[in-house]
Structures are given as structure tokens and as C-alpha cells.
Amino acid sequence: MRVLIAGGGTGGHIYPALTIGKALLEKGAEVIFAGTDKGLEKQIIPREGFRLETISVDYFPRRLSWRLVRSFFVAAKGVAEALALVRRLSPDVCVGTGGYVAGPVVLAAALSGVPTVIQEQNALPGLTNRILARFADKVAVGYEAAALSFGRGDKLVVTGNPIRPEIVAMTRQRGAARLGVDPTKRLVLITGASQGARSINHAVLEAFPKLTTLDAQFLIATGAAGFKDFVSGVRAQAGKGRPFLDGQGERFGNLMAVPYLYDMPAALAASDLVVGRAGALSIAEITARGLPAILIPYPYAAENHQEKNARVLEAAGAARVILDRELNAARLYDEIASLLADDERLAAMAEASRKLGKPDAVWEIVALIEGVVALRQGRT
């Protein structure tokens, strides 16, 4: 089976595509990716050993402007290039995971008679996938709440979001050993996603004196851009720290800071509470591990979809939500301290999180893809 996967621009679209691609590879499929030469996929996809074909794509501004006219011309060119790509590759199925590049590629596949499946990560679907759902054979959604935004219920399958198998395979002892933290003490993981979050860094920095009084370990991933300022701020309060994670970060008593967490499976396995943004993949990994969370949605996410994601966990009792505009050191400290002081509540949140988790989602998506191909081939 030859599979063409389109998804790019951000990690939120690329990593689900990669996870699906790797699972299909295990099943013996030939997997080719479509992307742009400007998005993150240009670096990430080839580094993972996959072939990447590129087309012209541009985003559509939400307001009338000359940029909108240009985007229409680029989009028309992208569809033409996508049609040529589909004809040249003759895939058995096309899978879209969102982002601007998914639009022309999945549309070209559908117009060419190729079976199509789209995978939507968020509780509030993106515009590209809402449009593509009209042409797709099947739509795999990460949240039941997403179904409300799609018209054709017969196409929808709630699979959950695909996560890396190592996220659930890692043990606490092994994760703690790889990080260099104490497995017998509770660990609070704080992350502003891959780029970091200035508001979260600032709140943690101001709360640092009080966090040192808690019987727990804190690991914060600041983002590369915010690491220097964060460490300088902590040094001003506590003096120079000790090297952490082979010199990647710095340890100040019970708080450890790194610019980027390359070993997220280990970090999640060793954690008891997660504080961070509410991206769909982050939430999928948190719930697959059954971890309680304090979620601080990114306020500028398209159509505020991160808050929609966070509210799903809040409603289930798996998370507390702090809006970014309400975040400060006192609020953050109070939320963390109250949860760490209430073992019963923390355990209940962990159980609620576990019930939401779908660690085998990628295999459900693969089965859906295989089923679409088999059904189409059966008809012909």
C-alpha cells in the first residue's frame, strides 16, 4: 500500500503525521510525505528518514487585503502541483493531518479518485479540516466534541490522537534515571511547549521562593529563547546552580531548568503533575499516561482551540484551567500547592485523565486507513 501523508507548518500537524507514518511503515506500507519547503516539515520529515515532496502553499489572511489575493494565486498553483504529484505517485490512499499543505493535497487526491482520510487533533477543528471533511472518505477525530463541527456524522470516528508508543512504554524508574531526578519524590513538569511560554516562565520565576518550600521536584522547560533570562532570574535569588542533564540545564535546589526537553517520554513517565499549554498532542500524551494537569491555554491559538481542548479535560475532572490573562505567581503557586497537598484529589484527577487517554489511537487510525482502501478496492 502506498500512502501519501500531508500535514505541516507546525509540530501539532507534523508529529501526528509522523506517528501515523511510522505505524503504517510497520505494517509494510510505503509512506511518502507532502509538505512545503518553508515549514518545519522540511527539517523534521527527512530527519526521520521519510521522503518529502514539496508544493507551493500560503496561508489565507482572515481579513481582506492584497495578501489575500496573492494567497489565492498561490493556492491555485498549489492545487495544480498537488494534482501533478498525485498523478505521479498514484497513492492507494491520502491522509491529511491539517495545516495549509493538507488542503490542496487532500483535495487533489479526492478529485483524482484516491481514497482520503483526515485526522483532526483538536476539540475545535481547524478550518482546513472542516473544508476537507466534505471530500474525505473518513474523518478521525481526537475528541468527541469535534464531531459538532463536522456535518457528516457517518464519516466520523473518534479515535483519539496518535502518540509515540514510547510515551506509554517508559517506566517511572527508567524515566527518572534518564532525567537524573529522584523517583521517590513527586515531580511537577512545567512546560510552555516546544518554544516555551514567556507568561509561564515569568510566573514560575516569581513563585520560585515559595516553590522551594514544597516537598516536590520541579522541572521546567523554558524554551530556548527564554532560558537565559529565566536562569539569570533564578540566580539573582538563589545564586549559581549546578549542571543538570549533562550540562543542558541547571539545577537550583528542588527546581531544574532546561531550554528544551528532548526526552519527553522520560519526563512524563517520571511526573506526578503537569503544568503547561493545551495543545492537542500534549494533552493526548498527558492522558495516555493518566497524569493530572494544570492547563494554561495559549491565548492566540487559532479560534481559541487550546481553551476548548483544556475545557474537555476540566469537565472530566482531569485538569484545572488557568487562562493566560489570569496567570500570576500567586495563582500558580496556590494551584500547585493545593493539589500536592491533596493526595485524594490528585489521584481522582489522574484516574479521570487515564479514562480520557487513548494510547492505541494510532492503530485505530491505521485500521481506519486500511478499511477505506479495502472498501474502495472492493467496489472496483
Protein backbone atom coordinates (compact mmCIF):
# COMPACT_ATOMS: atom_id res chain seq x y z
CA MET A 1 0.00 0.00 0.00
CA ARG A 2 1.41 3.38 -1.00
CA VAL A 3 0.31 6.17 1.36
CA LEU A 4 0.65 9.90 0.76
CA ILE A 5 0.51 11.90 4.02
CA ALA A 6 0.03 15.68 4.02
CA GLY A 7 0.42 17.79 7.13
CA GLY A 8 2.77 20.57 8.04
CA GLY A 9 3.58 24.04 9.22
CA THR A 10 3.63 23.27 12.94
CA GLY A 11 4.59 20.34 15.11
CA GLY A 12 0.93 19.90 16.00
CA HIS A 13 0.29 18.70 12.45
CA ILE A 14 3.68 17.14 11.68
CA TYR A 15 4.10 14.82 14.65
CA PRO A 16 0.68 13.14 14.29
CA ALA A 17 1.56 12.60 10.62
CA LEU A 18 4.90 11.07 11.59
CA THR A 19 3.36 8.79 14.19
CA ILE A 20 0.81 7.55 11.67
CA GLY A 21 3.51 7.17 9.02
CA LYS A 22 5.75 5.08 11.29
CA ALA A 23 2.84 2.81 12.24
CA LEU A 24 1.96 2.31 8.57
CA LEU A 25 5.61 1.55 7.85
CA GLU A 26 5.48 -1.21 10.48
CA LYS A 27 2.52 -2.67 8.58
CA GLY A 28 4.57 -2.80 5.39
CA ALA A 29 3.24 0.30 3.65
CA GLU A 30 5.30 2.68 1.53
CA VAL A 31 4.92 6.14 3.05
CA ILE A 32 5.60 9.46 1.29
CA PHE A 33 5.02 12.89 2.81
CA ALA A 34 3.84 16.08 1.14
CA GLY A 35 4.78 19.45 2.61
CA THR A 36 6.32 22.80 1.82
CA ASP A 37 9.90 23.96 1.62
CA LYS A 38 9.23 26.61 4.29
CA GLY A 39 7.52 24.73 7.14
CA LEU A 40 9.08 22.71 9.93
CA GLU A 41 8.39 19.56 7.93
CA LYS A 42 11.32 20.40 5.63
CA GLN A 43 13.71 19.64 8.51
CA ILE A 44 11.73 17.12 10.54
CA ILE A 45 10.41 14.68 7.91
CA PRO A 46 13.72 13.91 6.13
CA ARG A 47 15.47 13.65 9.51
CA GLU A 48 13.03 10.89 10.42
CA GLY A 49 14.01 9.01 7.26
CA PHE A 50 10.95 9.72 5.13
CA ARG A 51 10.73 11.08 1.59
CA LEU A 52 9.25 14.58 1.38
CA GLU A 53 7.65 16.06 -1.74
CA THR A 54 7.00 19.81 -1.67
CA ILE A 55 4.34 22.04 -3.20
CA SER A 56 3.52 25.77 -3.08
CA VAL A 57 1.22 26.77 -0.21
CA ASP A 58 0.37 30.02 1.55
CA TYR A 59 -1.96 30.82 4.43
CA PHE A 60 -5.16 32.80 3.93
CA PRO A 61 -5.42 36.05 5.92
CA ARG A 62 -8.71 36.37 7.80
CA ARG A 63 -9.14 39.97 6.62
CA LEU A 64 -9.44 41.46 3.15
CA SER A 65 -6.05 42.58 1.87
CA TRP A 66 -3.70 42.30 -1.09
CA ARG A 67 -2.17 39.36 0.73
CA LEU A 68 -5.48 37.52 0.30
CA VAL A 69 -5.33 37.96 -3.48
CA ARG A 70 -1.76 36.63 -3.52
CA SER A 71 -2.80 33.67 -1.37
CA PHE A 72 -5.50 32.71 -3.88
CA PHE A 73 -2.95 32.61 -6.71
CA VAL A 74 -0.52 30.56 -4.62
CA ALA A 75 -3.34 28.21 -3.61
CA ALA A 76 -4.32 27.66 -7.25
CA LYS A 77 -0.69 26.88 -8.08
CA GLY A 78 -0.52 24.53 -5.09
CA VAL A 79 -3.61 22.60 -6.21
CA ALA A 80 -2.13 22.21 -9.70
CA GLU A 81 1.14 20.97 -8.22
CA ALA A 82 -0.75 18.63 -5.89
CA LEU A 83 -2.74 17.17 -8.79
CA ALA A 84 0.51 16.52 -10.67
CA LEU A 85 2.02 14.95 -7.55
CA VAL A 86 -0.94 12.62 -7.04
CA ARG A 87 -0.87 11.56 -10.68
CA ARG A 88 2.87 10.89 -10.49
CA LEU A 89 2.79 8.92 -7.23
CA SER A 90 -0.54 7.10 -7.73
CA PRO A 91 -1.09 6.55 -3.98
CA ASP A 92 -3.60 3.99 -2.72
CA VAL A 93 -4.75 6.46 -0.07
CA CYS A 94 -4.07 10.05 1.03
CA VAL A 95 -4.04 11.07 4.70
CA GLY A 96 -4.26 14.70 5.86
CA THR A 97 -3.39 15.84 9.38
CA GLY A 98 -4.10 19.55 8.97
CA GLY A 99 -2.15 22.68 8.16
CA TYR A 100 -2.16 24.66 4.93
CA VAL A 101 -0.45 21.94 2.89
CA ALA A 102 -3.12 19.35 3.67
CA GLY A 103 -5.75 21.36 1.81
CA PRO A 104 -4.51 21.17 -1.79
CA VAL A 105 -3.04 17.66 -1.43
CA VAL A 106 -6.14 16.00 0.05
CA LEU A 107 -8.38 17.92 -2.35
CA ALA A 108 -6.24 16.82 -5.31
CA ALA A 109 -6.38 13.20 -4.13
CA ALA A 110 -10.17 13.29 -3.73
CA LEU A 111 -10.61 14.88 -7.19
CA SER A 112 -8.35 12.15 -8.62
CA GLY A 113 -10.46 9.37 -7.12
CA VAL A 114 -7.94 8.44 -4.42
CA PRO A 115 -9.45 7.41 -1.02
CA THR A 116 -8.84 10.07 1.63
CA VAL A 117 -8.73 10.15 5.43
CA ILE A 118 -8.22 13.26 7.54
CA GLN A 119 -7.16 13.34 11.18
CA GLU A 120 -8.27 16.25 13.37
CA GLN A 121 -6.39 16.75 16.63
CA ASN A 122 -8.37 19.50 18.37
CA ALA A 123 -11.73 19.75 20.12
CA LEU A 124 -12.45 22.68 17.78
CA PRO A 125 -11.41 21.55 14.27
CA GLY A 126 -9.24 23.78 12.10
CA LEU A 127 -10.65 25.50 9.03
CA THR A 128 -8.67 23.31 6.60
CA ASN A 129 -10.09 20.08 8.00
CA ARG A 130 -13.62 21.46 8.23
CA ILE A 131 -13.48 22.10 4.49
CA LEU A 132 -11.74 18.83 3.62
CA ALA A 133 -14.28 16.78 5.59
CA ARG A 134 -16.73 17.31 2.74
CA PHE A 135 -14.43 15.42 0.37
CA ALA A 136 -12.85 12.84 2.70
CA ASP A 137 -13.96 9.23 2.98
CA LYS A 138 -13.38 9.18 6.74
CA VAL A 139 -12.56 11.70 9.48
CA ALA A 140 -10.64 10.53 12.55
CA VAL A 141 -11.13 12.92 15.47
CA GLY A 142 -9.21 13.24 18.70
CA TYR A 143 -12.20 14.46 20.74
CA GLU A 144 -15.91 13.65 20.68
CA ALA A 145 -16.51 17.40 20.98
CA ALA A 146 -15.01 17.87 17.50
CA ALA A 147 -17.92 16.00 15.96
CA LEU A 148 -20.18 19.01 16.47
CA SER A 149 -18.16 20.96 13.91
CA PHE A 150 -18.45 18.35 11.17
CA GLY A 151 -21.67 17.85 9.23
CA ARG A 152 -21.42 14.23 8.11
CA GLY A 153 -21.64 12.07 11.22
CA ASP A 154 -21.34 8.85 9.22
CA LYS A 155 -17.77 9.79 8.27
CA LEU A 156 -16.61 10.46 11.82
CA VAL A 157 -14.68 8.06 14.01
CA VAL A 158 -13.46 9.07 17.48
CA THR A 159 -10.00 7.51 17.57
CA GLY A 160 -8.12 9.86 19.87
CA ASN A 161 -4.85 11.47 18.82
CA PRO A 162 -1.84 9.40 17.73
CA ILE A 163 1.08 9.42 20.17
CA ARG A 164 4.52 7.84 20.10
CA PRO A 165 4.50 4.30 21.57
CA GLU A 166 7.44 5.16 23.84
CA ILE A 167 5.23 7.66 25.71
CA VAL A 168 3.36 4.83 27.42
CA ALA A 169 6.15 2.23 27.33
CA MET A 170 8.52 4.20 29.59
CA THR A 171 8.53 3.24 33.29
CA ARG A 172 8.79 5.77 36.13
CA GLN A 173 12.09 4.32 37.37
CA ARG A 174 13.65 4.40 33.91
CA GLY A 175 12.33 7.88 33.18
CA ALA A 176 13.66 9.26 36.46
CA ALA A 177 17.06 7.64 35.82
CA ARG A 178 17.30 9.16 32.34
CA LEU A 179 16.47 12.60 33.70
CA GLY A 180 18.56 12.35 36.84
CA VAL A 181 15.68 13.03 39.27
CA ASP A 182 14.61 11.24 42.45
CA PRO A 183 11.91 8.63 41.62
CA THR A 184 10.73 8.56 45.24
CA LYS A 185 9.80 12.27 45.26
CA ARG A 186 6.93 13.82 43.36
CA LEU A 187 7.87 15.64 40.17
CA VAL A 188 5.97 18.58 38.69
CA LEU A 189 6.69 19.03 34.99
CA ILE A 190 6.24 22.60 33.73
CA THR A 191 6.42 23.29 30.01
CA GLY A 192 5.38 26.02 27.62
CA ALA A 193 5.51 23.62 24.64
CA SER A 194 8.46 23.43 22.25
CA GLN A 195 9.00 27.20 22.01
CA GLY A 196 8.41 27.86 25.69
CA ALA A 197 5.93 30.36 27.12
CA ARG A 198 7.01 33.74 28.49
CA SER A 199 4.00 34.06 30.79
CA ILE A 200 4.58 30.64 32.36
CA ASN A 201 8.32 31.27 32.77
CA HIS A 202 7.61 34.60 34.45
CA ALA A 203 5.05 33.12 36.87
CA VAL A 204 7.40 30.27 37.85
CA LEU A 205 10.30 32.68 38.30
CA GLU A 206 8.29 34.89 40.65
CA ALA A 207 6.92 31.85 42.51
CA PHE A 208 10.38 30.28 42.88
CA PRO A 209 10.96 31.24 46.56
CA LYS A 210 7.66 29.64 47.60
CA LEU A 211 8.08 26.60 45.33
CA THR A 212 11.33 25.77 47.14
CA THR A 213 9.31 25.21 50.33
CA LEU A 214 7.20 22.43 48.79
CA ASP A 215 8.09 18.76 49.17
CA ALA A 216 8.41 18.12 45.44
CA GLN A 217 10.76 18.46 42.48
CA PHE A 218 10.09 20.91 39.67
CA LEU A 219 11.33 20.53 36.11
CA ILE A 220 10.67 23.46 33.77
CA ALA A 221 11.34 23.56 30.04
CA THR A 222 11.62 27.28 29.33
CA GLY A 223 12.12 27.24 25.58
CA ALA A 224 15.47 28.17 24.05
CA ALA A 225 14.59 31.86 23.76
CA GLY A 226 13.61 32.22 27.40
CA PHE A 227 16.20 30.02 29.08
CA LYS A 228 18.92 32.61 29.65
CA ASP A 229 16.58 35.17 31.22
CA PHE A 230 14.91 32.55 33.39
CA VAL A 231 18.19 31.17 34.73
CA SER A 232 19.54 34.69 35.33
CA GLY A 233 16.39 35.48 37.32
CA VAL A 234 16.74 32.41 39.49
CA ARG A 235 20.46 33.03 40.03
CA ALA A 236 19.63 36.51 41.28
CA GLN A 237 17.55 34.87 44.01
CA ALA A 238 19.49 31.68 44.76
CA GLY A 239 23.00 32.05 43.35
CA LYS A 240 24.59 29.84 40.71
CA GLY A 241 23.08 26.39 40.38
CA ARG A 242 24.55 23.02 39.47
CA PRO A 243 24.68 21.48 35.98
CA PHE A 244 21.66 19.34 35.09
CA LEU A 245 21.09 16.78 32.33
CA ASP A 246 24.72 16.65 31.19
CA GLY A 247 25.01 20.40 31.19
CA GLN A 248 21.86 21.02 29.12
CA GLY A 249 20.23 22.76 32.08
CA GLU A 250 20.80 24.00 35.60
CA ARG A 251 19.58 22.77 38.99
CA PHE A 252 18.63 25.11 41.84
CA GLY A 253 17.68 23.02 44.85
CA ASN A 254 14.37 21.34 44.00
CA LEU A 255 13.95 23.23 40.70
CA MET A 256 15.59 22.15 37.47
CA ALA A 257 15.51 24.25 34.30
CA VAL A 258 16.26 23.19 30.72
CA PRO A 259 15.77 25.09 27.45
CA TYR A 260 14.16 22.09 25.74
CA LEU A 261 13.06 18.60 26.77
CA TYR A 262 14.36 16.18 24.18
CA ASP A 263 13.23 13.17 26.24
CA MET A 264 9.54 13.85 26.81
CA PRO A 265 8.71 10.15 27.31
CA ALA A 266 11.08 10.08 30.31
CA ALA A 267 9.77 13.39 31.67
CA LEU A 268 6.13 12.30 31.54
CA ALA A 269 6.91 8.87 32.99
CA ALA A 270 8.65 10.43 36.00
CA SER A 271 6.00 13.13 36.59
CA ASP A 272 3.07 13.32 39.02
CA LEU A 273 1.59 16.61 37.78
CA VAL A 274 1.95 18.53 34.52
CA VAL A 275 1.65 22.31 34.13
CA GLY A 276 1.55 23.61 30.58
CA ARG A 277 -0.23 24.62 27.39
CA ALA A 278 -3.21 22.74 25.97
CA GLY A 279 -2.05 21.63 22.54
CA ALA A 280 -3.86 18.54 21.31
CA LEU A 281 -0.77 16.32 21.21
CA SER A 282 0.43 17.41 24.63
CA ILE A 283 -2.98 16.54 26.06
CA ALA A 284 -3.00 13.20 24.23
CA GLU A 285 0.34 12.31 25.83
CA ILE A 286 -0.73 13.53 29.28
CA THR A 287 -3.94 11.49 29.24
CA ALA A 288 -2.25 8.42 27.79
CA ARG A 289 -0.04 8.47 30.90
CA GLY A 290 -3.03 9.25 33.13
CA LEU A 291 -1.50 12.42 34.56
CA PRO A 292 -3.37 15.26 36.29
CA ALA A 293 -2.72 18.68 34.83
CA ILE A 294 -2.91 22.42 35.30
CA LEU A 295 -3.55 23.73 31.80
CA ILE A 296 -2.80 27.29 30.66
CA PRO A 297 -4.13 27.54 27.08
CA TYR A 298 -2.15 29.57 24.57
CA PRO A 299 -4.39 32.63 24.15
CA TYR A 300 -3.51 33.27 20.48
CA ALA A 301 -4.21 29.78 19.14
CA ALA A 302 -6.45 29.82 16.07
CA GLU A 303 -10.10 30.21 17.08
CA ASN A 304 -9.01 29.74 20.71
CA HIS A 305 -8.88 25.97 20.16
CA GLN A 306 -6.47 25.36 23.04
CA GLU A 307 -9.00 26.57 25.57
CA LYS A 308 -11.59 24.24 24.00
CA ASN A 309 -9.12 21.36 24.43
CA ALA A 310 -8.44 22.30 28.05
CA ARG A 311 -12.12 22.60 28.93
CA VAL A 312 -12.68 18.99 27.85
CA LEU A 313 -10.21 17.81 30.50
CA GLU A 314 -11.57 20.25 33.06
CA ALA A 315 -15.13 18.99 32.54
CA ALA A 316 -13.94 15.40 33.02
CA GLY A 317 -12.17 16.31 36.27
CA ALA A 318 -8.70 15.63 34.85
CA ALA A 319 -7.35 19.19 34.87
CA ARG A 320 -7.52 22.65 36.34
CA VAL A 321 -7.55 25.55 33.86
CA ILE A 322 -5.87 28.93 34.31
CA LEU A 323 -6.39 31.39 31.47
CA ASP A 324 -3.20 33.13 30.39
CA ARG A 325 -4.56 36.56 31.34
CA GLU A 326 -5.27 35.27 34.86
CA LEU A 327 -1.86 33.69 35.34
CA ASN A 328 0.44 35.07 38.03
CA ALA A 329 2.86 33.68 40.58
CA ALA A 330 0.34 33.58 43.43
CA ARG A 331 -2.34 31.78 41.38
CA LEU A 332 0.15 29.25 40.01
CA TYR A 333 1.66 28.51 43.40
CA ASP A 334 -1.76 28.14 45.05
CA GLU A 335 -2.96 25.68 42.39
CA ILE A 336 0.20 23.57 42.58
CA ALA A 337 0.41 23.62 46.39
CA SER A 338 -3.27 22.75 46.87
CA LEU A 339 -3.04 19.76 44.53
CA LEU A 340 0.20 18.45 46.04
CA ALA A 341 -1.37 18.70 49.49
CA ASP A 342 -4.43 16.66 48.47
CA ASP A 343 -3.42 13.12 47.52
CA GLU A 344 -7.04 12.01 47.13
CA ARG A 345 -7.87 14.77 44.68
CA LEU A 346 -4.66 14.23 42.73
CA ALA A 347 -5.46 10.52 42.43
CA ALA A 348 -9.01 11.27 41.26
CA MET A 349 -7.69 13.64 38.59
CA ALA A 350 -5.17 11.03 37.47
CA GLU A 351 -7.94 8.44 37.11
CA ALA A 352 -10.10 10.88 35.13
CA SER A 353 -7.12 11.62 32.88
CA ARG A 354 -6.48 7.92 32.35
CA LYS A 355 -10.10 7.38 31.27
CA LEU A 356 -9.70 10.05 28.61
CA GLY A 357 -6.42 8.62 27.32
CA LYS A 358 -6.27 6.64 24.09
CA PRO A 359 -2.78 5.12 23.95
CA ASP A 360 -3.68 2.89 20.98
CA ALA A 361 -5.17 5.67 18.86
CA VAL A 362 -2.58 5.36 16.10
CA TRP A 363 -3.53 1.73 15.46
CA GLU A 364 -7.21 2.65 15.27
CA ILE A 365 -6.30 5.29 12.69
CA VAL A 366 -4.20 2.79 10.72
CA ALA A 367 -7.12 0.32 10.75
CA LEU A 368 -9.39 3.10 9.50
CA ILE A 369 -6.98 3.88 6.65
CA GLU A 370 -6.70 0.21 5.70
CA GLY A 371 -10.50 -0.12 5.82
CA VAL A 372 -11.03 2.83 3.48
CA VAL A 373 -8.60 1.35 0.96
CA ALA A 374 -10.16 -2.12 1.20
CA LEU A 375 -13.67 -0.72 0.79
CA ARG A 376 -12.74 1.33 -2.26
CA GLN A 377 -10.87 -1.60 -3.84
CA GLY A 378 -13.84 -3.87 -3.13
CA ARG A 379 -16.13 -1.54 -5.02
CA THR A 380 -13.84 -1.54 -8.05
